[in-house]
Protein backbone atom coordinates (compact mmCIF):
# COMPACT_ATOMS: atom_id res chain seq x y z
CA MET A 1 -42.21 22.57 29.47
CA ARG A 2 -42.97 22.76 33.44
CA ALA A 3 -40.58 23.94 36.05
CA VAL A 4 -42.01 21.24 38.36
CA ASP A 5 -41.19 18.31 35.71
CA LEU A 6 -37.42 19.94 35.77
CA ILE A 7 -37.11 20.23 39.31
CA GLU A 8 -38.24 16.46 39.60
CA LYS A 9 -35.91 15.10 36.75
CA LYS A 10 -33.06 16.85 38.57
CA ARG A 11 -34.06 15.63 42.10
CA ASP A 12 -34.03 12.27 40.71
CA GLY A 13 -30.61 12.39 39.21
CA GLY A 14 -31.63 13.17 35.69
CA GLU A 15 -29.67 15.01 33.35
CA LEU A 16 -31.16 18.27 31.79
CA SER A 17 -30.66 19.14 28.17
CA ALA A 18 -29.53 22.40 27.09
CA GLU A 19 -32.82 23.28 25.72
CA GLU A 20 -34.52 22.50 29.30
CA ILE A 21 -32.07 24.69 31.16
CA ARG A 22 -32.10 27.50 28.76
CA TRP A 23 -36.06 27.79 29.09
CA LEU A 24 -35.65 27.45 33.05
CA ILE A 25 -33.34 30.41 33.09
CA GLN A 26 -35.31 32.47 30.66
CA GLU A 27 -38.55 31.71 32.46
CA PHE A 28 -37.29 32.78 36.09
CA VAL A 29 -35.52 35.99 34.69
CA ALA A 30 -38.80 36.91 33.01
CA GLY A 31 -40.95 36.18 36.33
CA ARG A 32 -42.81 33.21 35.05
CA VAL A 33 -40.85 30.63 37.39
CA PRO A 34 -41.45 31.94 40.97
CA ASP A 35 -38.53 32.03 43.53
CA TYR A 36 -39.81 28.90 45.37
CA GLN A 37 -39.34 26.73 42.44
CA MET A 38 -36.04 28.11 41.44
CA ALA A 39 -35.02 27.71 45.21
CA ALA A 40 -36.26 23.92 44.64
CA PHE A 41 -34.12 23.64 41.45
CA LEU A 42 -31.05 25.09 43.23
CA MET A 43 -31.17 22.52 46.25
CA ALA A 44 -31.83 19.77 43.91
CA VAL A 45 -28.57 20.67 42.03
CA TYR A 46 -26.76 21.12 45.37
CA PHE A 47 -27.40 17.49 46.05
CA ARG A 48 -27.31 15.93 42.56
CA GLY A 49 -24.68 18.24 41.03
CA LEU A 50 -24.76 19.18 37.28
CA SER A 51 -22.51 17.41 34.59
CA VAL A 52 -20.08 19.45 32.78
CA GLU A 53 -22.36 19.49 29.66
CA GLU A 54 -25.15 20.77 32.07
CA THR A 55 -22.89 23.25 33.68
CA VAL A 56 -21.85 24.66 30.13
CA ALA A 57 -25.80 24.72 29.42
CA MET A 58 -26.44 26.83 32.37
CA THR A 59 -23.59 29.16 32.11
CA GLN A 60 -24.52 29.85 28.35
CA ALA A 61 -28.03 30.42 29.29
CA MET A 62 -26.94 32.90 32.25
CA VAL A 63 -24.90 35.02 29.75
CA GLU A 64 -27.89 35.01 27.18
CA SER A 65 -30.01 36.61 30.22
CA GLY A 66 -28.92 40.04 29.68
CA GLU A 67 -26.44 42.34 27.66
CA ARG A 68 -22.77 41.68 26.91
CA ILE A 69 -19.99 44.05 26.61
CA ASP A 70 -18.90 44.23 22.88
CA LEU A 71 -15.33 44.76 22.82
CA SER A 72 -14.79 43.85 19.17
CA ALA A 73 -14.17 47.45 18.18
CA VAL A 74 -11.46 47.76 20.44
CA PRO A 75 -8.07 47.29 18.98
CA GLY A 76 -5.75 44.78 20.74
CA ILE A 77 -6.19 41.63 22.93
CA LYS A 78 -8.63 41.70 25.52
CA VAL A 79 -7.94 39.92 28.64
CA ASP A 80 -9.76 39.51 32.16
CA LYS A 81 -9.18 38.14 35.58
CA HIS A 82 -11.29 36.61 38.28
CA SER A 83 -10.32 36.12 41.92
CA THR A 84 -12.75 33.85 44.30
CA GLY A 85 -12.23 36.24 46.97
CA GLY A 86 -9.78 36.82 49.61
CA VAL A 87 -8.37 39.15 52.45
CA GLY A 88 -6.07 42.09 51.27
CA ASP A 89 -6.48 40.87 47.80
CA THR A 90 -5.47 44.13 46.25
CA VAL A 91 -4.57 42.49 42.84
CA THR A 92 -6.90 44.10 40.54
CA LEU A 93 -5.92 47.64 41.33
CA VAL A 94 -2.47 46.65 40.39
CA LEU A 95 -3.26 44.25 37.51
CA VAL A 96 -5.52 46.39 35.49
CA PRO A 97 -3.26 49.37 34.82
CA LEU A 98 -0.38 46.87 34.65
CA MET A 99 -1.71 45.05 31.57
CA ALA A 100 -2.55 48.37 29.91
CA ALA A 101 0.90 49.23 30.14
CA ALA A 102 1.92 45.70 28.36
CA GLY A 103 -0.15 46.63 25.64
CA LEU A 104 -3.32 44.60 26.46
CA VAL A 105 -6.85 45.79 27.03
CA MET A 106 -8.59 45.02 30.47
CA ALA A 107 -11.95 46.21 30.95
CA LYS A 108 -12.50 44.77 34.74
CA LEU A 109 -16.14 44.31 36.14
CA SER A 110 -15.53 44.09 39.68
CA GLY A 111 -17.87 43.94 42.79
CA ARG A 112 -18.16 45.14 46.44
CA ALA A 113 -17.36 43.52 49.78
CA LEU A 114 -19.17 40.26 50.32
CA GLY A 115 -18.66 38.65 54.12
CA HIS A 116 -15.16 38.68 55.18
CA SER A 117 -13.91 39.45 51.70
CA GLY A 118 -12.92 43.01 50.51
CA GLY A 119 -14.38 44.30 47.27
CA THR A 120 -12.60 45.86 44.52
CA ILE A 121 -15.05 48.50 43.59
CA ASP A 122 -15.16 49.90 47.43
CA LYS A 123 -11.23 50.05 47.19
CA PHE A 124 -11.14 51.89 43.90
CA GLU A 125 -13.92 54.31 45.06
CA ALA A 126 -11.76 55.35 48.37
CA ILE A 127 -9.95 57.45 45.57
CA PRO A 128 -11.84 60.77 45.75
CA GLY A 129 -14.06 61.42 42.90
CA VAL A 130 -13.78 58.06 41.04
CA ARG A 131 -16.85 56.74 39.40
CA THR A 132 -17.63 52.98 38.69
CA GLU A 133 -21.03 53.06 37.60
CA LEU A 134 -20.41 53.22 33.85
CA SER A 135 -22.81 52.46 30.93
CA LEU A 136 -21.73 49.75 28.69
CA GLY A 137 -21.06 52.43 25.95
CA GLU A 138 -18.78 54.28 28.57
CA ILE A 139 -16.82 51.09 29.21
CA VAL A 140 -16.02 50.52 25.58
CA ASN A 141 -15.10 53.85 24.98
CA GLN A 142 -12.64 54.04 27.83
CA ALA A 143 -11.19 50.62 26.79
CA LYS A 144 -10.39 52.20 23.51
CA ARG A 145 -8.99 55.19 24.71
CA VAL A 146 -6.94 54.07 27.99
CA GLY A 147 -6.94 50.27 27.71
CA ALA A 148 -7.94 49.90 31.35
CA VAL A 149 -11.51 50.10 33.12
CA ILE A 150 -12.53 48.94 36.40
CA ALA A 151 -16.32 49.32 36.58
CA ASP A 152 -19.05 47.99 38.93
CA HIS A 153 -21.53 45.12 37.72
CA THR A 154 -24.33 46.52 35.72
CA THR A 155 -27.77 45.44 36.07
CA GLU A 156 -27.78 44.63 32.21
CA ILE A 157 -25.09 42.08 32.33
CA VAL A 158 -26.03 38.48 33.40
CA PRO A 159 -29.29 39.46 35.49
CA ALA A 160 -29.85 35.79 35.93
CA ASP A 161 -26.82 35.59 38.10
CA ARG A 162 -27.56 38.32 40.55
CA LEU A 163 -31.29 36.95 40.94
CA ILE A 164 -29.92 33.26 41.52
CA TYR A 165 -27.29 34.40 44.07
CA GLU A 166 -29.82 36.26 45.99
CA LEU A 167 -31.63 32.87 46.21
CA ARG A 168 -28.39 30.75 46.84
CA ASP A 169 -27.28 33.16 49.55
CA VAL A 170 -30.65 32.35 51.54
CA THR A 171 -31.24 28.76 50.64
CA ALA A 172 -27.77 27.49 51.94
CA THR A 173 -26.87 26.60 48.25
CA VAL A 174 -23.93 28.65 47.76
CA PRO A 175 -21.23 25.82 48.10
CA SER A 176 -22.05 23.89 44.94
CA LEU A 177 -19.24 23.76 42.59
CA PRO A 178 -21.55 23.94 39.32
CA LEU A 179 -23.22 26.91 40.39
CA ILE A 180 -20.14 28.57 41.47
CA ALA A 181 -18.65 27.86 37.99
CA SER A 182 -21.98 29.08 36.20
CA SER A 183 -21.88 32.21 38.37
CA VAL A 184 -17.89 33.08 38.01
CA LEU A 185 -18.00 32.16 34.23
CA SER A 186 -21.15 33.96 32.95
CA LYS A 187 -20.05 37.12 34.19
CA LYS A 188 -16.55 36.72 32.53
CA LEU A 189 -18.05 35.52 29.21
CA ALA A 190 -20.50 38.44 29.30
CA GLY A 191 -17.30 40.74 29.90
CA GLY A 192 -15.87 40.61 26.17
CA ALA A 193 -12.47 39.38 27.09
CA ASP A 194 -10.61 36.94 24.55
CA MET A 195 -8.83 35.06 27.45
CA ILE A 196 -9.28 35.05 31.12
CA VAL A 197 -6.90 34.00 34.11
CA LEU A 198 -8.65 32.91 37.43
CA ASP A 199 -7.00 33.24 40.88
CA VAL A 200 -8.70 30.46 42.86
CA LYS A 201 -7.90 31.30 46.50
CA CYS A 202 -7.10 28.57 48.90
CA GLY A 203 -6.83 28.58 52.67
CA ASP A 204 -8.34 29.77 55.90
CA GLY A 205 -9.60 33.17 54.26
CA ALA A 206 -11.01 31.72 50.92
CA PHE A 207 -14.07 30.29 50.10
CA MET A 208 -12.35 26.83 49.30
CA GLN A 209 -10.32 26.00 52.35
CA THR A 210 -8.67 23.02 51.24
CA PHE A 211 -6.20 22.46 48.30
CA PRO A 212 -8.16 19.57 46.91
CA GLU A 213 -11.55 21.88 46.82
CA ALA A 214 -9.72 24.45 45.40
CA LYS A 215 -8.22 22.44 42.53
CA LYS A 216 -11.59 20.69 41.79
CA LEU A 217 -13.22 24.16 41.33
CA ALA A 218 -10.33 25.56 39.35
CA GLU A 219 -10.40 22.48 37.10
CA LEU A 220 -14.14 22.85 36.57
CA LEU A 221 -13.91 26.41 35.83
CA VAL A 222 -11.10 26.15 33.20
CA ARG A 223 -12.68 22.88 31.60
CA VAL A 224 -16.30 24.66 31.28
CA GLY A 225 -14.69 27.91 30.21
CA ASN A 226 -12.61 26.46 27.51
CA LYS A 227 -15.72 24.59 26.30
CA LEU A 228 -17.51 27.96 25.98
CA GLY A 229 -14.89 29.28 23.37
CA LYS A 230 -12.76 31.38 25.22
CA LYS A 231 -9.25 30.54 26.57
CA PHE A 232 -9.07 30.06 30.19
CA ALA A 233 -6.10 29.29 32.81
CA ALA A 234 -6.35 29.25 36.70
CA LEU A 235 -3.63 29.74 39.34
CA ILE A 236 -4.47 28.35 43.06
CA THR A 237 -2.90 30.91 45.42
CA ALA A 238 -2.62 30.74 49.34
CA MET A 239 -4.87 32.51 51.28
CA ASP A 240 -4.04 31.42 54.60
CA GLN A 241 -2.81 34.73 55.98
CA PRO A 242 -3.87 38.20 54.33
CA LEU A 243 -2.35 39.14 51.17
CA GLY A 244 0.18 42.24 51.69
CA ARG A 245 0.06 44.18 54.73
CA MET A 246 -3.13 46.15 54.28
CA VAL A 247 -6.68 45.20 54.59
CA GLY A 248 -9.39 47.89 53.99
CA ASN A 249 -10.43 50.29 51.34
CA ALA A 250 -7.98 53.32 51.18
CA LEU A 251 -5.33 51.24 53.18
CA GLU A 252 -5.27 48.74 50.12
CA VAL A 253 -5.13 51.60 47.52
CA ARG A 254 -1.93 52.86 49.26
CA GLN A 255 -0.46 49.43 49.01
CA ALA A 256 -1.42 49.20 45.25
CA ILE A 257 0.07 52.40 44.63
CA SER A 258 3.15 51.11 46.47
CA VAL A 259 3.38 48.14 44.22
CA LEU A 260 3.02 50.25 41.02
CA ARG A 261 5.84 52.21 42.15
CA GLY A 262 8.20 49.09 42.05
CA GLU A 263 7.95 48.75 45.72
CA GLY A 264 5.22 47.06 48.09
CA PRO A 265 4.81 43.83 49.87
CA ASP A 266 6.53 40.86 48.10
CA ASP A 267 3.70 38.67 48.32
CA LEU A 268 1.07 40.79 46.74
CA ARG A 269 3.60 41.76 44.06
CA ALA A 270 4.43 38.15 43.46
CA VAL A 271 0.84 37.04 43.02
CA THR A 272 0.11 39.89 40.77
CA LEU A 273 3.09 39.08 38.66
CA ALA A 274 2.23 35.49 38.21
CA LEU A 275 -1.23 36.27 36.98
CA GLY A 276 -0.19 38.95 34.64
CA ALA A 277 2.61 36.74 33.25
CA GLU A 278 0.03 33.96 32.63
CA LEU A 279 -2.23 36.35 30.63
CA LEU A 280 0.81 37.64 28.59
CA TYR A 281 1.65 34.09 27.89
CA MET A 282 -1.80 33.12 27.05
CA ALA A 283 -1.95 36.08 24.80
CA GLY A 284 1.01 35.20 22.88
CA GLU A 285 2.87 38.15 24.12
CA ALA A 286 5.67 36.20 25.99
CA PRO A 287 7.21 32.90 25.24
CA SER A 288 6.56 31.88 28.76
CA PRO A 289 5.10 32.63 32.02
CA GLU A 290 8.78 33.26 33.09
CA ALA A 291 9.52 35.90 30.15
CA GLY A 292 6.18 37.51 30.94
CA GLN A 293 7.00 38.10 34.54
CA LYS A 294 10.42 39.92 33.71
CA LYS A 295 8.65 42.18 31.22
CA LEU A 296 6.02 43.04 33.89
CA GLU A 297 8.82 43.68 36.55
CA HIS A 298 10.28 46.00 34.05
CA LEU A 299 7.04 47.91 33.54
CA LEU A 300 6.81 48.45 37.21
CA GLU A 301 10.12 49.47 37.75
CA SER A 302 10.13 52.16 35.01
CA GLY A 303 6.96 53.87 36.40
CA ALA A 304 4.88 52.89 33.10
CA ALA A 305 2.33 50.96 35.19
CA PHE A 306 1.86 53.77 37.65
CA GLY A 307 1.53 56.27 34.61
CA LYS A 308 -1.56 54.00 33.51
CA PHE A 309 -2.74 53.97 36.86
CA ARG A 310 -3.02 57.87 36.85
CA GLU A 311 -4.63 57.67 33.45
CA LEU A 312 -7.21 55.29 34.69
CA VAL A 313 -8.06 56.95 37.61
CA ALA A 314 -8.41 60.45 35.77
CA ALA A 315 -10.56 58.83 32.89
CA GLN A 316 -13.00 57.77 35.72
CA GLY A 317 -13.14 61.44 37.37
CA GLY A 318 -10.79 60.56 40.43
CA ASP A 319 -8.54 62.91 42.01
CA VAL A 320 -4.94 62.21 40.60
CA ARG A 321 -3.37 64.12 43.46
CA ALA A 322 -4.45 61.42 45.75
CA VAL A 323 -2.59 58.87 43.57
CA ASP A 324 0.50 61.24 43.48
CA ASP A 325 0.44 61.94 47.23
CA PRO A 326 -1.53 58.95 49.11
CA GLU A 327 -1.55 61.15 52.09
CA LYS A 328 -4.45 62.82 50.66
CA LEU A 329 -6.43 59.43 50.48
CA PRO A 330 -9.02 59.09 53.56
CA ARG A 331 -7.25 58.50 57.00
CA SER A 332 -8.76 57.12 60.10
CA GLU A 333 -8.13 59.82 63.03
CA ARG A 334 -8.23 56.95 65.49
CA VAL A 335 -5.55 54.12 65.24
CA VAL A 336 -4.97 51.53 68.13
CA GLU A 337 -2.23 48.87 68.34
CA VAL A 338 -2.65 45.01 68.85
CA ARG A 339 0.39 43.77 70.74
CA ALA A 340 1.88 40.46 71.12
CA GLN A 341 0.95 38.56 74.12
CA ALA A 342 4.13 36.31 74.22
CA ARG A 343 7.57 36.06 72.73
CA GLY A 344 8.33 33.59 69.75
CA PHE A 345 7.61 33.35 65.99
CA VAL A 346 4.16 34.05 64.32
CA LEU A 347 2.91 30.67 63.16
CA LYS A 348 -0.26 31.80 61.72
CA ILE A 349 -2.30 35.09 60.87
CA SER A 350 -6.06 33.95 60.27
CA ALA A 351 -6.96 35.64 57.07
CA LYS A 352 -10.52 35.20 57.79
CA LYS A 353 -10.49 36.76 61.18
CA ILE A 354 -8.47 39.81 60.04
CA GLY A 355 -11.21 40.30 57.33
CA GLN A 356 -13.93 40.07 59.83
CA VAL A 357 -11.84 42.53 62.08
CA ALA A 358 -11.63 45.03 59.13
CA GLY A 359 -15.72 44.47 58.94
CA LEU A 360 -16.13 45.50 62.64
CA LEU A 361 -13.90 48.45 61.88
CA GLY A 362 -16.19 49.81 59.32
CA ALA A 363 -14.41 48.45 56.17
CA GLY A 364 -17.07 46.06 55.38
CA ARG A 365 -21.17 45.68 55.28
CA GLU A 366 -23.53 44.17 58.07
CA VAL A 367 -26.35 44.53 56.02
CA LYS A 368 -26.94 44.99 52.14
CA GLY A 369 -26.42 48.49 50.74
CA GLN A 370 -24.43 49.76 53.92
CA LYS A 371 -21.82 52.14 52.94
CA VAL A 372 -18.32 51.41 53.76
CA ASP A 373 -15.65 53.75 55.77
CA PRO A 374 -12.91 54.17 53.24
CA ALA A 375 -10.49 54.87 55.90
CA ALA A 376 -11.24 51.67 58.34
CA GLY A 377 -9.05 48.92 58.21
CA VAL A 378 -6.20 46.93 59.50
CA GLU A 379 -2.33 47.58 59.12
CA LEU A 380 -0.23 44.39 59.47
CA LEU A 381 3.16 44.98 61.09
CA VAL A 382 4.32 41.45 60.91
CA LYS A 383 3.73 38.59 58.53
CA VAL A 384 3.82 34.62 59.27
CA GLY A 385 7.59 33.72 60.20
CA ALA A 386 8.55 37.15 61.90
CA GLU A 387 10.12 36.81 65.56
CA VAL A 388 8.31 39.01 68.04
CA GLU A 389 8.75 39.98 71.34
CA GLU A 390 6.26 40.16 74.08
CA GLY A 391 4.27 43.72 73.84
CA GLN A 392 5.64 44.13 70.25
CA PRO A 393 3.01 45.71 67.97
CA LEU A 394 1.53 43.26 65.67
CA ALA A 395 -1.01 45.16 63.86
CA ARG A 396 -2.64 48.67 63.85
CA LEU A 397 -6.29 48.88 63.67
CA HIS A 398 -7.83 52.07 61.74
CA LEU A 399 -10.96 52.69 63.37
CA GLY A 400 -14.05 53.83 61.43
CA ARG A 401 -17.19 55.85 62.44
CA ARG A 402 -18.93 52.79 63.30
CA ALA A 403 -16.09 50.74 64.75
CA CYS A 404 -16.68 47.94 67.17
CA VAL A 405 -13.39 48.55 68.88
CA ALA A 406 -13.69 46.12 71.93
CA GLU A 407 -14.86 43.13 69.72
CA ALA A 408 -12.27 44.10 67.08
CA MET A 409 -9.25 44.21 69.47
CA GLU A 410 -10.33 40.79 70.74
CA LEU A 411 -10.64 39.15 67.37
CA ALA A 412 -7.51 40.62 66.19
CA ARG A 413 -5.55 39.12 69.11
CA ALA A 414 -7.09 35.72 68.38
CA ALA A 415 -5.94 36.02 64.66
CA PHE A 416 -2.21 35.99 65.67
CA ILE A 417 -1.00 32.52 66.63
CA ILE A 418 2.54 32.73 68.18
CA GLY A 419 4.87 29.68 68.85
CA PRO A 420 8.34 28.93 69.88
CA GLU A 421 9.84 27.43 66.69
CA ARG A 422 9.70 29.64 63.50
CA PRO A 423 7.48 27.96 60.62
CA LYS A 424 8.73 26.68 57.34
CA PRO A 425 8.11 29.20 54.29
CA SER A 426 4.77 28.05 52.20
CA PRO A 427 4.37 28.72 48.68
CA LEU A 428 2.02 31.30 47.35
CA ILE A 429 1.24 29.71 43.87
CA LEU A 430 -0.03 26.17 44.89
CA ASP A 431 -0.74 25.15 41.31
CA ARG A 432 -1.45 26.04 37.67
CA ILE A 433 -4.16 24.57 35.93
CA VAL A 434 -4.43 24.93 31.92
């Protein structure tokens, strides 16, 4: 085979065989297909798309490009979760110990901050001492002992995805549904879980900003995932305002601890419970998602989930004293308030803008490899629907060491839209795809 022939075939709208796709991915990872040819292929896919069968083949080829986590020796049902990315999305830090407390095993591979979206690994590492760079053997052993793992992606797992994503990022081919699907699913399939729930975010702060886009992606992910022999389901959840009230690494850890103690913001708790209940139902551990949610609520209220979080942190070298007393987590020495410029009701809080503000304060990255400031971030004092007076504080900005304060303040003010009438409540869970 020749790469140029496959590029031409896809450019002209042809359908590639599984063998052709496997050859292309293998040769690219081996360095025998150069970047410029793979970039041309990705652009052809962007314009021509991939069939479901091609997407299945590409996902499988990407999985086969590296190592897989083998959890077969770990007793119990292995589950996983993936979010398409949002702002204030602290779900993983709550869901992983919650699932373990429910008797399931969750070895979660997560990433770092990307654009205006926060990264679970950056958040978890805000706990002093926590180590997230684990070997495959360490991941399996901890899954056996604790039932819960939160680890950084290793270079051995799905190297094709890392290499292809780097090209997509600089060739304007990121917004391709089959490429998104193969990227997401290859990492989940290599993670060793039996069943996976997908949290497809929809709205201002999400990658998929409209409901039809989000539903199309969710349906493709579930369809392709199920064809590859695993059990998948997806929830489409709202991301028009930040989830919860904290955006930033140590701030979100505080918020996760609050939820694990049976408290915390209602919206973060609700989304976490919905995703967890879906996993219990898929695993046959609950007769319905509703029954699963009641079981999980009890694990939060009883302290069992919080106890499992302490165990998880300790297993990965973290200082459990910072879990017991969140005041020991990193804190910003400088905090400034953003105040309402008019009286009325909060109609909108742009999740994307708030995520960008957190980045300007130091919670995100401006360039690859840059360290985040664990103390930096945004604390929301109101949510959509709240009535506010002129001059009332809307948010607190926790300034990092490299904070761009003036720019962050201006953008934060622009994130809040205030109007004369209270908006109607909107649902958090927009759809369920099975």
